[in-house]
């Protein structure tokens, strides 16, 4: 059986960014400065490689100081029922991030029309 191998652009960069994010989460409790440094490297790799970071990861990083946002420890959460927004305030730098909390809303990546092809990463080496 001949299987056609699909080259994924930036596969090594995605793997490195994934590793740095996991290391950042582990180091956050021990040393927040090292965790922030890993996040800085992660964001610089994404910029240099022109790759998009997944929204679940983006929502856990502060835009101002690039620290890991942990509810209760490094952030203060407020919910606005009127606007259906969640307001996240970083306690390190004071940056405010607003995230839409509408249960019917789906981001573009989760919509079926955004998928062009499905790539099986387990079979590609």
PDB file of N, CA and C in Angstrom:
ATOM      1  N   UNK A   1       0.831  -1.182   0.000  1.00  0.00           N
ATOM      2  CA  UNK A   1       0.000   0.000   0.000  1.00  0.00           C
ATOM      3  C   UNK A   1       0.876   1.245   0.000  1.00  0.00           C
ATOM      4  N   UNK A   2       0.656   2.087  -0.953  1.00  0.00           N
ATOM      5  CA  UNK A   2       1.348   3.368  -1.000  1.00  0.00           C
ATOM      6  C   UNK A   2       0.502   4.424  -0.318  1.00  0.00           C
ATOM      7  N   UNK A   3       1.032   4.932   0.740  1.00  0.00           N
ATOM      8  CA  UNK A   3       0.332   6.020   1.417  1.00  0.00           C
ATOM      9  C   UNK A   3       1.015   7.321   1.044  1.00  0.00           C
ATOM     10  N   UNK A   4       0.214   8.275   0.678  1.00  0.00           N
ATOM     11  CA  UNK A   4       0.752   9.578   0.311  1.00  0.00           C
ATOM     12  C   UNK A   4       1.058  10.363   1.581  1.00  0.00           C
ATOM     13  N   UNK A   5       2.307  10.725   1.766  1.00  0.00           N
ATOM     14  CA  UNK A   5       2.700  11.502   2.939  1.00  0.00           C
ATOM     15  C   UNK A   5       2.397  12.975   2.696  1.00  0.00           C
ATOM     16  N   UNK A   6       1.758  13.571   3.660  1.00  0.00           N
ATOM     17  CA  UNK A   6       1.402  14.986   3.563  1.00  0.00           C
ATOM     18  C   UNK A   6       2.368  15.776   4.429  1.00  0.00           C
ATOM     19  N   UNK A   7       3.038  16.722   3.815  1.00  0.00           N
ATOM     20  CA  UNK A   7       3.931  17.589   4.570  1.00  0.00           C
ATOM     21  C   UNK A   7       3.129  18.707   5.212  1.00  0.00           C
ATOM     22  N   UNK A   8       3.285  18.855   6.485  1.00  0.00           N
ATOM     23  CA  UNK A   8       2.589  19.908   7.211  1.00  0.00           C
ATOM     24  C   UNK A   8       3.569  21.054   7.407  1.00  0.00           C
ATOM     25  N   UNK A   9       3.180  22.225   6.944  1.00  0.00           N
ATOM     26  CA  UNK A   9       4.056  23.384   7.064  1.00  0.00           C
ATOM     27  C   UNK A   9       4.199  23.768   8.529  1.00  0.00           C
ATOM     28  N   UNK A  10       5.419  23.865   8.993  1.00  0.00           N
ATOM     29  CA  UNK A  10       5.677  24.304  10.353  1.00  0.00           C
ATOM     30  C   UNK A  10       5.446  23.241  11.406  1.00  0.00           C
ATOM     31  N   UNK A  11       5.531  21.975  11.040  1.00  0.00           N
ATOM     32  CA  UNK A  11       5.276  20.890  11.994  1.00  0.00           C
ATOM     33  C   UNK A  11       6.256  20.948  13.169  1.00  0.00           C
ATOM     34  N   UNK A  12       7.522  21.187  12.878  1.00  0.00           N
ATOM     35  CA  UNK A  12       8.530  21.256  13.941  1.00  0.00           C
ATOM     36  C   UNK A  12       8.273  22.447  14.857  1.00  0.00           C
ATOM     37  N   UNK A  13       7.836  23.550  14.265  1.00  0.00           N
ATOM     38  CA  UNK A  13       7.541  24.740  15.069  1.00  0.00           C
ATOM     39  C   UNK A  13       6.352  24.499  15.987  1.00  0.00           C
ATOM     40  N   UNK A  14       5.317  23.816  15.471  1.00  0.00           N
ATOM     41  CA  UNK A  14       4.160  23.486  16.304  1.00  0.00           C
ATOM     42  C   UNK A  14       4.564  22.564  17.455  1.00  0.00           C
ATOM     43  N   UNK A  15       5.427  21.606  17.173  1.00  0.00           N
ATOM     44  CA  UNK A  15       5.880  20.694  18.218  1.00  0.00           C
ATOM     45  C   UNK A  15       6.675  21.439  19.279  1.00  0.00           C
ATOM     46  N   UNK A  16       7.526  22.356  18.842  1.00  0.00           N
ATOM     47  CA  UNK A  16       8.326  23.132  19.791  1.00  0.00           C
ATOM     48  C   UNK A  16       7.436  24.045  20.635  1.00  0.00           C
ATOM     49  N   UNK A  17       6.432  24.676  19.992  1.00  0.00           N
ATOM     50  CA  UNK A  17       5.515  25.544  20.725  1.00  0.00           C
ATOM     51  C   UNK A  17       4.708  24.737  21.745  1.00  0.00           C
ATOM     52  N   UNK A  18       4.290  23.539  21.366  1.00  0.00           N
ATOM     53  CA  UNK A  18       3.549  22.665  22.276  1.00  0.00           C
ATOM     54  C   UNK A  18       4.414  22.300  23.483  1.00  0.00           C
ATOM     55  N   UNK A  19       5.664  21.955  23.231  1.00  0.00           N
ATOM     56  CA  UNK A  19       6.589  21.600  24.313  1.00  0.00           C
ATOM     57  C   UNK A  19       6.796  22.785  25.257  1.00  0.00           C
ATOM     58  N   UNK A  20       6.994  23.976  24.700  1.00  0.00           N
ATOM     59  CA  UNK A  20       7.211  25.162  25.531  1.00  0.00           C
ATOM     60  C   UNK A  20       5.990  25.502  26.378  1.00  0.00           C
ATOM     61  N   UNK A  21       4.802  25.315  25.814  1.00  0.00           N
ATOM     62  CA  UNK A  21       3.588  25.596  26.574  1.00  0.00           C
ATOM     63  C   UNK A  21       3.438  24.615  27.739  1.00  0.00           C
ATOM     64  N   UNK A  22       3.713  23.349  27.493  1.00  0.00           N
ATOM     65  CA  UNK A  22       3.640  22.351  28.564  1.00  0.00           C
ATOM     66  C   UNK A  22       4.682  22.630  29.643  1.00  0.00           C
ATOM     67  N   UNK A  23       5.885  23.013  29.225  1.00  0.00           N
ATOM     68  CA  UNK A  23       6.929  23.353  30.195  1.00  0.00           C
ATOM     69  C   UNK A  23       6.534  24.590  30.996  1.00  0.00           C
ATOM     70  N   UNK A  24       5.894  25.547  30.340  1.00  0.00           N
ATOM     71  CA  UNK A  24       5.444  26.761  31.014  1.00  0.00           C
ATOM     72  C   UNK A  24       4.403  26.441  32.081  1.00  0.00           C
ATOM     73  N   UNK A  25       3.468  25.537  31.762  1.00  0.00           N
ATOM     74  CA  UNK A  25       2.454  25.153  32.738  1.00  0.00           C
ATOM     75  C   UNK A  25       3.076  24.451  33.943  1.00  0.00           C
ATOM     76  N   UNK A  26       4.068  23.593  33.699  1.00  0.00           N
ATOM     77  CA  UNK A  26       4.709  22.878  34.800  1.00  0.00           C
ATOM     78  C   UNK A  26       5.543  23.809  35.681  1.00  0.00           C
ATOM     79  N   UNK A  27       6.232  24.768  35.059  1.00  0.00           N
ATOM     80  CA  UNK A  27       7.119  25.656  35.807  1.00  0.00           C
ATOM     81  C   UNK A  27       6.372  26.805  36.479  1.00  0.00           C
ATOM     82  N   UNK A  28       5.103  26.992  36.157  1.00  0.00           N
ATOM     83  CA  UNK A  28       4.357  28.134  36.673  1.00  0.00           C
ATOM     84  C   UNK A  28       4.280  28.128  38.205  1.00  0.00           C
ATOM     85  N   UNK A  29       4.095  26.950  38.791  1.00  0.00           N
ATOM     86  CA  UNK A  29       3.980  26.876  40.250  1.00  0.00           C
ATOM     87  C   UNK A  29       5.325  27.028  40.933  1.00  0.00           C
ATOM     88  N   UNK A  30       6.396  26.586  40.269  1.00  0.00           N
ATOM     89  CA  UNK A  30       7.722  26.672  40.866  1.00  0.00           C
ATOM     90  C   UNK A  30       8.353  28.052  40.704  1.00  0.00           C
ATOM     91  N   UNK A  31       8.325  28.568  39.481  1.00  0.00           N
ATOM     92  CA  UNK A  31       8.958  29.849  39.198  1.00  0.00           C
ATOM     93  C   UNK A  31       8.209  30.539  38.063  1.00  0.00           C
ATOM     94  N   UNK A  32       7.470  31.589  38.393  1.00  0.00           N
ATOM     95  CA  UNK A  32       6.639  32.277  37.406  1.00  0.00           C
ATOM     96  C   UNK A  32       7.486  32.994  36.350  1.00  0.00           C
ATOM     97  N   UNK A  33       8.695  33.426  36.706  1.00  0.00           N
ATOM     98  CA  UNK A  33       9.552  34.127  35.739  1.00  0.00           C
ATOM     99  C   UNK A  33      10.006  33.207  34.613  1.00  0.00           C
ATOM    100  N   UNK A  34      10.339  31.977  34.947  1.00  0.00           N
ATOM    101  CA  UNK A  34      10.752  31.020  33.920  1.00  0.00           C
ATOM    102  C   UNK A  34       9.557  30.680  33.029  1.00  0.00           C
ATOM    103  N   UNK A  35       8.393  30.537  33.635  1.00  0.00           N
ATOM    104  CA  UNK A  35       7.176  30.268  32.879  1.00  0.00           C
ATOM    105  C   UNK A  35       6.899  31.384  31.872  1.00  0.00           C
ATOM    106  N   UNK A  36       7.047  32.634  32.308  1.00  0.00           N
ATOM    107  CA  UNK A  36       6.839  33.780  31.422  1.00  0.00           C
ATOM    108  C   UNK A  36       7.878  33.789  30.305  1.00  0.00           C
ATOM    109  N   UNK A  37       9.100  33.416  30.612  1.00  0.00           N
ATOM    110  CA  UNK A  37      10.161  33.357  29.602  1.00  0.00           C
ATOM    111  C   UNK A  37       9.830  32.315  28.527  1.00  0.00           C
ATOM    112  N   UNK A  38       9.328  31.149  28.944  1.00  0.00           N
ATOM    113  CA  UNK A  38       8.923  30.126  27.980  1.00  0.00           C
ATOM    114  C   UNK A  38       7.798  30.632  27.083  1.00  0.00           C
ATOM    115  N   UNK A  39       6.858  31.377  27.660  1.00  0.00           N
ATOM    116  CA  UNK A  39       5.758  31.927  26.866  1.00  0.00           C
ATOM    117  C   UNK A  39       6.266  32.977  25.880  1.00  0.00           C
ATOM    118  N   UNK A  40       7.253  33.763  26.274  1.00  0.00           N
ATOM    119  CA  UNK A  40       7.870  34.726  25.351  1.00  0.00           C
ATOM    120  C   UNK A  40       8.477  34.013  24.148  1.00  0.00           C
ATOM    121  N   UNK A  41       9.186  32.920  24.414  1.00  0.00           N
ATOM    122  CA  UNK A  41       9.802  32.151  23.329  1.00  0.00           C
ATOM    123  C   UNK A  41       8.718  31.551  22.432  1.00  0.00           C
ATOM    124  N   UNK A  42       7.661  31.022  23.047  1.00  0.00           N
ATOM    125  CA  UNK A  42       6.543  30.444  22.296  1.00  0.00           C
ATOM    126  C   UNK A  42       5.943  31.459  21.341  1.00  0.00           C
ATOM    127  N   UNK A  43       5.682  32.664  21.825  1.00  0.00           N
ATOM    128  CA  UNK A  43       5.079  33.702  20.988  1.00  0.00           C
ATOM    129  C   UNK A  43       6.031  34.186  19.900  1.00  0.00           C
ATOM    130  N   UNK A  44       7.326  34.232  20.192  1.00  0.00           N
ATOM    131  CA  UNK A  44       8.280  34.660  19.165  1.00  0.00           C
ATOM    132  C   UNK A  44       8.408  33.601  18.064  1.00  0.00           C
ATOM    133  N   UNK A  45       8.316  32.320  18.417  1.00  0.00           N
ATOM    134  CA  UNK A  45       8.344  31.258  17.404  1.00  0.00           C
ATOM    135  C   UNK A  45       7.124  31.376  16.505  1.00  0.00           C
ATOM    136  N   UNK A  46       5.962  31.639  17.107  1.00  0.00           N
ATOM    137  CA  UNK A  46       4.733  31.772  16.324  1.00  0.00           C
ATOM    138  C   UNK A  46       4.822  32.961  15.364  1.00  0.00           C
ATOM    139  N   UNK A  47       5.418  34.059  15.811  1.00  0.00           N
ATOM    140  CA  UNK A  47       5.558  35.231  14.942  1.00  0.00           C
ATOM    141  C   UNK A  47       6.539  34.976  13.807  1.00  0.00           C
ATOM    142  N   UNK A  48       7.682  34.392  14.136  1.00  0.00           N
ATOM    143  CA  UNK A  48       8.703  34.157  13.114  1.00  0.00           C
ATOM    144  C   UNK A  48       8.256  33.130  12.081  1.00  0.00           C
ATOM    145  N   UNK A  49       7.523  32.117  12.523  1.00  0.00           N
ATOM    146  CA  UNK A  49       7.069  31.067  11.620  1.00  0.00           C
ATOM    147  C   UNK A  49       5.748  31.414  10.946  1.00  0.00           C
ATOM    148  N   UNK A  50       5.137  32.515  11.362  1.00  0.00           N
ATOM    149  CA  UNK A  50       3.829  32.966  10.875  1.00  0.00           C
ATOM    150  C   UNK A  50       2.802  31.841  11.043  1.00  0.00           C
ATOM    151  N   UNK A  51       2.691  31.363  12.292  1.00  0.00           N
ATOM    152  CA  UNK A  51       1.744  30.319  12.646  1.00  0.00           C
ATOM    153  C   UNK A  51       0.744  30.862  13.658  1.00  0.00           C
ATOM    154  N   UNK A  52      -0.479  30.371  13.579  1.00  0.00           N
ATOM    155  CA  UNK A  52      -1.510  30.800  14.517  1.00  0.00           C
ATOM    156  C   UNK A  52      -1.502  29.906  15.748  1.00  0.00           C
ATOM    157  N   UNK A  53      -1.636  30.538  16.892  1.00  0.00           N
ATOM    158  CA  UNK A  53      -1.739  29.801  18.143  1.00  0.00           C
ATOM    159  C   UNK A  53      -3.216  29.489  18.368  1.00  0.00           C
ATOM    160  N   UNK A  54      -3.504  28.282  18.843  1.00  0.00           N
ATOM    161  CA  UNK A  54      -4.882  27.881  19.099  1.00  0.00           C
ATOM    162  C   UNK A  54      -5.519  28.802  20.142  1.00  0.00           C
ATOM    163  N   UNK A  55      -6.821  29.048  20.003  1.00  0.00           N
ATOM    164  CA  UNK A  55      -7.504  29.997  20.890  1.00  0.00           C
ATOM    165  C   UNK A  55      -7.529  29.521  22.342  1.00  0.00           C
ATOM    166  N   UNK A  56      -7.530  28.211  22.567  1.00  0.00           N
ATOM    167  CA  UNK A  56      -7.509  27.723  23.942  1.00  0.00           C
ATOM    168  C   UNK A  56      -6.195  28.085  24.631  1.00  0.00           C
ATOM    169  N   UNK A  57      -5.115  28.088  23.876  1.00  0.00           N
ATOM    170  CA  UNK A  57      -3.817  28.489  24.434  1.00  0.00           C
ATOM    171  C   UNK A  57      -3.751  30.006  24.559  1.00  0.00           C
ATOM    172  N   UNK A  58      -4.258  30.711  23.540  1.00  0.00           N
ATOM    173  CA  UNK A  58      -4.250  32.175  23.570  1.00  0.00           C
ATOM    174  C   UNK A  58      -4.994  32.726  24.775  1.00  0.00           C
ATOM    175  N   UNK A  59      -6.099  32.091  25.132  1.00  0.00           N
ATOM    176  CA  UNK A  59      -6.904  32.573  26.245  1.00  0.00           C
ATOM    177  C   UNK A  59      -6.231  32.367  27.599  1.00  0.00           C
ATOM    178  N   UNK A  60      -5.203  31.541  27.658  1.00  0.00           N
ATOM    179  CA  UNK A  60      -4.505  31.316  28.926  1.00  0.00           C
ATOM    180  C   UNK A  60      -3.224  32.136  29.040  1.00  0.00           C
ATOM    181  N   UNK A  61      -2.917  32.962  28.029  1.00  0.00           N
ATOM    182  CA  UNK A  61      -1.719  33.800  28.069  1.00  0.00           C
ATOM    183  C   UNK A  61      -2.110  35.270  28.137  1.00  0.00           C
ATOM    184  N   UNK A  62      -1.403  36.027  28.956  1.00  0.00           N
ATOM    185  CA  UNK A  62      -1.641  37.464  29.063  1.00  0.00           C
ATOM    186  C   UNK A  62      -1.003  38.164  27.871  1.00  0.00           C
ATOM    187  N   UNK A  63      -1.749  39.107  27.283  1.00  0.00           N
ATOM    188  CA  UNK A  63      -1.212  39.856  26.142  1.00  0.00           C
ATOM    189  C   UNK A  63      -0.140  40.853  26.573  1.00  0.00           C
ATOM    190  N   UNK A  64      -0.215  41.330  27.798  1.00  0.00           N
ATOM    191  CA  UNK A  64       0.715  42.355  28.251  1.00  0.00           C
ATOM    192  C   UNK A  64       2.051  41.803  28.698  1.00  0.00           C
ATOM    193  N   UNK A  65       2.017  40.899  29.697  1.00  0.00           N
ATOM    194  CA  UNK A  65       3.269  40.409  30.290  1.00  0.00           C
ATOM    195  C   UNK A  65       3.593  38.970  29.904  1.00  0.00           C
ATOM    196  N   UNK A  66       2.729  38.317  29.120  1.00  0.00           N
ATOM    197  CA  UNK A  66       2.916  36.955  28.627  1.00  0.00           C
ATOM    198  C   UNK A  66       2.978  35.915  29.736  1.00  0.00           C
ATOM    199  N   UNK A  67       2.423  36.224  30.890  1.00  0.00           N
ATOM    200  CA  UNK A  67       2.389  35.237  31.965  1.00  0.00           C
ATOM    201  C   UNK A  67       1.198  34.312  31.772  1.00  0.00           C
ATOM    202  N   UNK A  68       1.235  33.184  32.451  1.00  0.00           N
ATOM    203  CA  UNK A  68       0.152  32.220  32.369  1.00  0.00           C
ATOM    204  C   UNK A  68      -1.000  32.710  33.238  1.00  0.00           C
ATOM    205  N   UNK A  69      -2.205  32.744  32.684  1.00  0.00           N
ATOM    206  CA  UNK A  69      -3.374  33.230  33.412  1.00  0.00           C
ATOM    207  C   UNK A  69      -4.050  32.070  34.126  1.00  0.00           C
ATOM    208  N   UNK A  70      -4.031  32.097  35.442  1.00  0.00           N
ATOM    209  CA  UNK A  70      -4.646  31.075  36.263  1.00  0.00           C
ATOM    210  C   UNK A  70      -5.726  31.726  37.109  1.00  0.00           C
ATOM    211  N   UNK A  71      -6.995  31.359  36.922  1.00  0.00           N
ATOM    212  CA  UNK A  71      -8.061  31.995  37.691  1.00  0.00           C
ATOM    213  C   UNK A  71      -7.851  31.836  39.194  1.00  0.00           C
ATOM    214  N   UNK A  72      -7.921  32.944  39.898  1.00  0.00           N
ATOM    215  CA  UNK A  72      -7.730  32.928  41.344  1.00  0.00           C
ATOM    216  C   UNK A  72      -6.314  33.261  41.771  1.00  0.00           C
ATOM    217  N   UNK A  73      -5.316  32.824  41.009  1.00  0.00           N
ATOM    218  CA  UNK A  73      -3.924  33.088  41.379  1.00  0.00           C
ATOM    219  C   UNK A  73      -3.359  34.323  40.679  1.00  0.00           C
ATOM    220  N   UNK A  74      -3.443  34.344  39.368  1.00  0.00           N
ATOM    221  CA  UNK A  74      -2.864  35.464  38.619  1.00  0.00           C
ATOM    222  C   UNK A  74      -3.914  36.297  37.905  1.00  0.00           C
ATOM    223  N   UNK A  75      -5.182  35.909  38.013  1.00  0.00           N
ATOM    224  CA  UNK A  75      -6.231  36.666  37.325  1.00  0.00           C
ATOM    225  C   UNK A  75      -7.442  36.885  38.221  1.00  0.00           C
ATOM    226  N   UNK A  76      -8.205  37.871  37.833  1.00  0.00           N
ATOM    227  CA  UNK A  76      -9.499  38.122  38.452  1.00  0.00           C
ATOM    228  C   UNK A  76     -10.540  38.028  37.343  1.00  0.00           C
ATOM    229  N   UNK A  77     -11.546  37.175  37.540  1.00  0.00           N
ATOM    230  CA  UNK A  77     -12.582  36.960  36.535  1.00  0.00           C
ATOM    231  C   UNK A  77     -13.856  37.681  36.929  1.00  0.00           C
ATOM    232  N   UNK A  78     -14.486  38.318  35.947  1.00  0.00           N
ATOM    233  CA  UNK A  78     -15.787  38.958  36.137  1.00  0.00           C
ATOM    234  C   UNK A  78     -16.664  38.592  34.950  1.00  0.00           C
ATOM    235  N   UNK A  79     -17.916  38.265  35.238  1.00  0.00           N
ATOM    236  CA  UNK A  79     -18.860  37.938  34.176  1.00  0.00           C
ATOM    237  C   UNK A  79     -19.871  39.061  34.042  1.00  0.00           C
ATOM    238  N   UNK A  80     -20.088  39.501  32.812  1.00  0.00           N
ATOM    239  CA  UNK A  80     -21.079  40.522  32.504  1.00  0.00           C
ATOM    240  C   UNK A  80     -22.259  39.830  31.833  1.00  0.00           C
ATOM    241  N   UNK A  81     -23.379  39.702  32.547  1.00  0.00           N
ATOM    242  CA  UNK A  81     -24.543  39.015  31.991  1.00  0.00           C
ATOM    243  C   UNK A  81     -25.154  39.800  30.841  1.00  0.00           C
ATOM    244  N   UNK A  82     -25.120  41.118  30.951  1.00  0.00           N
ATOM    245  CA  UNK A  82     -25.738  41.956  29.927  1.00  0.00           C
ATOM    246  C   UNK A  82     -25.036  41.804  28.582  1.00  0.00           C
ATOM    247  N   UNK A  83     -23.712  41.844  28.575  1.00  0.00           N
ATOM    248  CA  UNK A  83     -22.939  41.784  27.328  1.00  0.00           C
ATOM    249  C   UNK A  83     -22.488  40.376  26.971  1.00  0.00           C
ATOM    250  N   UNK A  84     -22.674  39.416  27.877  1.00  0.00           N
ATOM    251  CA  UNK A  84     -22.243  38.025  27.688  1.00  0.00           C
ATOM    252  C   UNK A  84     -20.729  37.931  27.476  1.00  0.00           C
ATOM    253  N   UNK A  85     -19.984  38.733  28.214  1.00  0.00           N
ATOM    254  CA  UNK A  85     -18.532  38.707  28.146  1.00  0.00           C
ATOM    255  C   UNK A  85     -17.943  38.260  29.469  1.00  0.00           C
ATOM    256  N   UNK A  86     -16.819  37.575  29.388  1.00  0.00           N
ATOM    257  CA  UNK A  86     -16.040  37.270  30.565  1.00  0.00           C
ATOM    258  C   UNK A  86     -14.845  38.224  30.554  1.00  0.00           C
ATOM    259  N   UNK A  87     -14.663  38.937  31.637  1.00  0.00           N
ATOM    260  CA  UNK A  87     -13.577  39.921  31.734  1.00  0.00           C
ATOM    261  C   UNK A  87     -12.468  39.325  32.584  1.00  0.00           C
ATOM    262  N   UNK A  88     -11.288  39.204  31.992  1.00  0.00           N
ATOM    263  CA  UNK A  88     -10.131  38.623  32.671  1.00  0.00           C
ATOM    264  C   UNK A  88      -9.110  39.723  32.887  1.00  0.00           C
ATOM    265  N   UNK A  89      -8.756  39.957  34.152  1.00  0.00           N
ATOM    266  CA  UNK A  89      -7.762  40.977  34.470  1.00  0.00           C
ATOM    267  C   UNK A  89      -6.521  40.308  35.039  1.00  0.00           C
ATOM    268  N   UNK A  90      -5.380  40.565  34.413  1.00  0.00           N
ATOM    269  CA  UNK A  90      -4.108  40.026  34.891  1.00  0.00           C
ATOM    270  C   UNK A  90      -3.684  40.809  36.126  1.00  0.00           C
ATOM    271  N   UNK A  91      -3.372  40.117  37.209  1.00  0.00           N
ATOM    272  CA  UNK A  91      -2.968  40.786  38.436  1.00  0.00           C
ATOM    273  C   UNK A  91      -1.504  41.213  38.419  1.00  0.00           C
ATOM    274  N   UNK A  92      -0.719  40.702  37.455  1.00  0.00           N
ATOM    275  CA  UNK A  92       0.688  41.096  37.347  1.00  0.00           C
ATOM    276  C   UNK A  92       0.854  42.451  36.673  1.00  0.00           C
ATOM    277  N   UNK A  93       0.176  42.643  35.529  1.00  0.00           N
ATOM    278  CA  UNK A  93       0.382  43.876  34.761  1.00  0.00           C
ATOM    279  C   UNK A  93      -0.880  44.724  34.618  1.00  0.00           C
ATOM    280  N   UNK A  94      -2.045  44.182  34.954  1.00  0.00           N
ATOM    281  CA  UNK A  94      -3.282  44.947  34.872  1.00  0.00           C
ATOM    282  C   UNK A  94      -3.961  44.917  33.522  1.00  0.00           C
ATOM    283  N   UNK A  95      -3.469  44.119  32.583  1.00  0.00           N
ATOM    284  CA  UNK A  95      -4.078  44.025  31.260  1.00  0.00           C
ATOM    285  C   UNK A  95      -5.436  43.336  31.369  1.00  0.00           C
ATOM    286  N   UNK A  96      -6.414  43.865  30.624  1.00  0.00           N
ATOM    287  CA  UNK A  96      -7.763  43.307  30.643  1.00  0.00           C
ATOM    288  C   UNK A  96      -8.042  42.627  29.310  1.00  0.00           C
ATOM    289  N   UNK A  97      -8.581  41.415  29.388  1.00  0.00           N
ATOM    290  CA  UNK A  97      -8.940  40.636  28.202  1.00  0.00           C
ATOM    291  C   UNK A  97     -10.422  40.296  28.311  1.00  0.00           C
ATOM    292  N   UNK A  98     -11.151  40.444  27.220  1.00  0.00           N
ATOM    293  CA  UNK A  98     -12.574  40.119  27.202  1.00  0.00           C
ATOM    294  C   UNK A  98     -12.817  38.955  26.245  1.00  0.00           C
ATOM    295  N   UNK A  99     -13.570  37.971  26.733  1.00  0.00           N
ATOM    296  CA  UNK A  99     -13.873  36.784  25.934  1.00  0.00           C
ATOM    297  C   UNK A  99     -15.385  36.621  25.887  1.00  0.00           C
ATOM    298  N   UNK A 100     -15.912  36.393  24.691  1.00  0.00           N
ATOM    299  CA  UNK A 100     -17.338  36.196  24.497  1.00  0.00           C
ATOM    300  C   UNK A 100     -17.774  34.862  25.092  1.00  0.00           C
ATOM    301  N   UNK A 101     -18.865  34.859  25.859  1.00  0.00           N
ATOM    302  CA  UNK A 101     -19.349  33.646  26.522  1.00  0.00           C
ATOM    303  C   UNK A 101     -20.715  33.211  26.014  1.00  0.00           C
ATOM    304  N   UNK A 102     -21.010  33.454  24.761  1.00  0.00           N
ATOM    305  CA  UNK A 102     -22.280  33.057  24.181  1.00  0.00           C
ATOM    306  C   UNK A 102     -22.214  31.571  23.847  1.00  0.00           C
ATOM    307  N   UNK A 103     -23.112  30.769  24.401  1.00  0.00           N
ATOM    308  CA  UNK A 103     -23.042  29.322  24.210  1.00  0.00           C
ATOM    309  C   UNK A 103     -23.341  28.892  22.771  1.00  0.00           C
ATOM    310  N   UNK A 104     -24.041  29.714  22.005  1.00  0.00           N
ATOM    311  CA  UNK A 104     -24.356  29.376  20.617  1.00  0.00           C
ATOM    312  C   UNK A 104     -23.251  29.774  19.645  1.00  0.00           C
ATOM    313  N   UNK A 105     -22.280  30.563  20.105  1.00  0.00           N
ATOM    314  CA  UNK A 105     -21.223  31.055  19.232  1.00  0.00           C
ATOM    315  C   UNK A 105     -20.113  30.017  19.110  1.00  0.00           C
ATOM    316  N   UNK A 106     -19.661  29.785  17.884  1.00  0.00           N
ATOM    317  CA  UNK A 106     -18.522  28.903  17.642  1.00  0.00           C
ATOM    318  C   UNK A 106     -17.450  29.693  16.926  1.00  0.00           C
ATOM    319  N   UNK A 107     -16.203  29.518  17.355  1.00  0.00           N
ATOM    320  CA  UNK A 107     -15.110  30.186  16.667  1.00  0.00           C
ATOM    321  C   UNK A 107     -14.933  29.545  15.289  1.00  0.00           C
ATOM    322  N   UNK A 108     -14.249  30.246  14.403  1.00  0.00           N
ATOM    323  CA  UNK A 108     -14.117  29.816  13.011  1.00  0.00           C
ATOM    324  C   UNK A 108     -13.479  28.432  12.906  1.00  0.00           C
ATOM    325  N   UNK A 109     -12.493  28.134  13.730  1.00  0.00           N
ATOM    326  CA  UNK A 109     -11.804  26.843  13.649  1.00  0.00           C
ATOM    327  C   UNK A 109     -12.717  25.677  13.992  1.00  0.00           C
ATOM    328  N   UNK A 110     -13.763  25.911  14.789  1.00  0.00           N
ATOM    329  CA  UNK A 110     -14.666  24.842  15.192  1.00  0.00           C
ATOM    330  C   UNK A 110     -15.842  24.662  14.231  1.00  0.00           C
ATOM    331  N   UNK A 111     -15.990  25.544  13.268  1.00  0.00           N
ATOM    332  CA  UNK A 111     -17.091  25.445  12.318  1.00  0.00           C
ATOM    333  C   UNK A 111     -16.737  24.445  11.210  1.00  0.00           C
ATOM    334  N   UNK A 112     -17.736  23.689  10.740  1.00  0.00           N
ATOM    335  CA  UNK A 112     -17.441  22.682   9.704  1.00  0.00           C
ATOM    336  C   UNK A 112     -16.966  23.278   8.378  1.00  0.00           C
ATOM    337  N   UNK A 113     -17.387  24.488   8.033  1.00  0.00           N
ATOM    338  CA  UNK A 113     -16.980  25.079   6.748  1.00  0.00           C
ATOM    339  C   UNK A 113     -15.528  25.528   6.732  1.00  0.00           C
ATOM    340  N   UNK A 114     -14.876  25.545   7.899  1.00  0.00           N
ATOM    341  CA  UNK A 114     -13.467  25.954   7.937  1.00  0.00           C
ATOM    342  C   UNK A 114     -12.519  24.811   7.598  1.00  0.00           C
ATOM    343  N   UNK A 115     -12.999  23.579   7.618  1.00  0.00           N
ATOM    344  CA  UNK A 115     -12.143  22.410   7.393  1.00  0.00           C
ATOM    345  C   UNK A 115     -12.026  22.139   5.898  1.00  0.00           C
ATOM    346  N   UNK A 116     -10.798  22.161   5.398  1.00  0.00           N
ATOM    347  CA  UNK A 116     -10.543  21.840   3.992  1.00  0.00           C
ATOM    348  C   UNK A 116     -10.225  20.360   3.828  1.00  0.00           C
ATOM    349  N   UNK A 117      -9.240  19.886   4.575  1.00  0.00           N
ATOM    350  CA  UNK A 117      -8.899  18.464   4.558  1.00  0.00           C
ATOM    351  C   UNK A 117      -8.571  18.037   5.976  1.00  0.00           C
ATOM    352  N   UNK A 118      -8.802  16.793   6.255  1.00  0.00           N
ATOM    353  CA  UNK A 118      -8.468  16.237   7.560  1.00  0.00           C
ATOM    354  C   UNK A 118      -7.168  15.460   7.405  1.00  0.00           C
ATOM    355  N   UNK A 119      -6.192  15.798   8.239  1.00  0.00           N
ATOM    356  CA  UNK A 119      -4.871  15.186   8.150  1.00  0.00           C
ATOM    357  C   UNK A 119      -4.688  14.288   9.371  1.00  0.00           C
ATOM    358  N   UNK A 120      -4.328  13.041   9.129  1.00  0.00           N
ATOM    359  CA  UNK A 120      -4.087  12.093  10.196  1.00  0.00           C
ATOM    360  C   UNK A 120      -2.611  12.173  10.574  1.00  0.00           C
ATOM    361  N   UNK A 121      -2.309  12.763  11.732  1.00  0.00           N
ATOM    362  CA  UNK A 121      -0.916  12.959  12.144  1.00  0.00           C
ATOM    363  C   UNK A 121      -0.280  11.678  12.669  1.00  0.00           C
ATOM    364  N   UNK A 122      -1.078  10.700  13.061  1.00  0.00           N
ATOM    365  CA  UNK A 122      -0.519   9.464  13.621  1.00  0.00           C
ATOM    366  C   UNK A 122       0.191   8.649  12.567  1.00  0.00           C
ATOM    367  N   UNK A 123      -0.289   8.668  11.338  1.00  0.00           N
ATOM    368  CA  UNK A 123       0.311   7.863  10.269  1.00  0.00           C
ATOM    369  C   UNK A 123       1.466   8.576   9.568  1.00  0.00           C
ATOM    370  N   UNK A 124       1.575   9.906   9.749  1.00  0.00           N
ATOM    371  CA  UNK A 124       2.660  10.643   9.112  1.00  0.00           C
ATOM    372  C   UNK A 124       3.871  10.654  10.035  1.00  0.00           C
ATOM    373  N   UNK A 125       5.030  10.453   9.467  1.00  0.00           N
ATOM    374  CA  UNK A 125       6.245  10.506  10.280  1.00  0.00           C
ATOM    375  C   UNK A 125       7.165  11.555   9.787  1.00  0.00           C
TER     376      UNK A 125
END
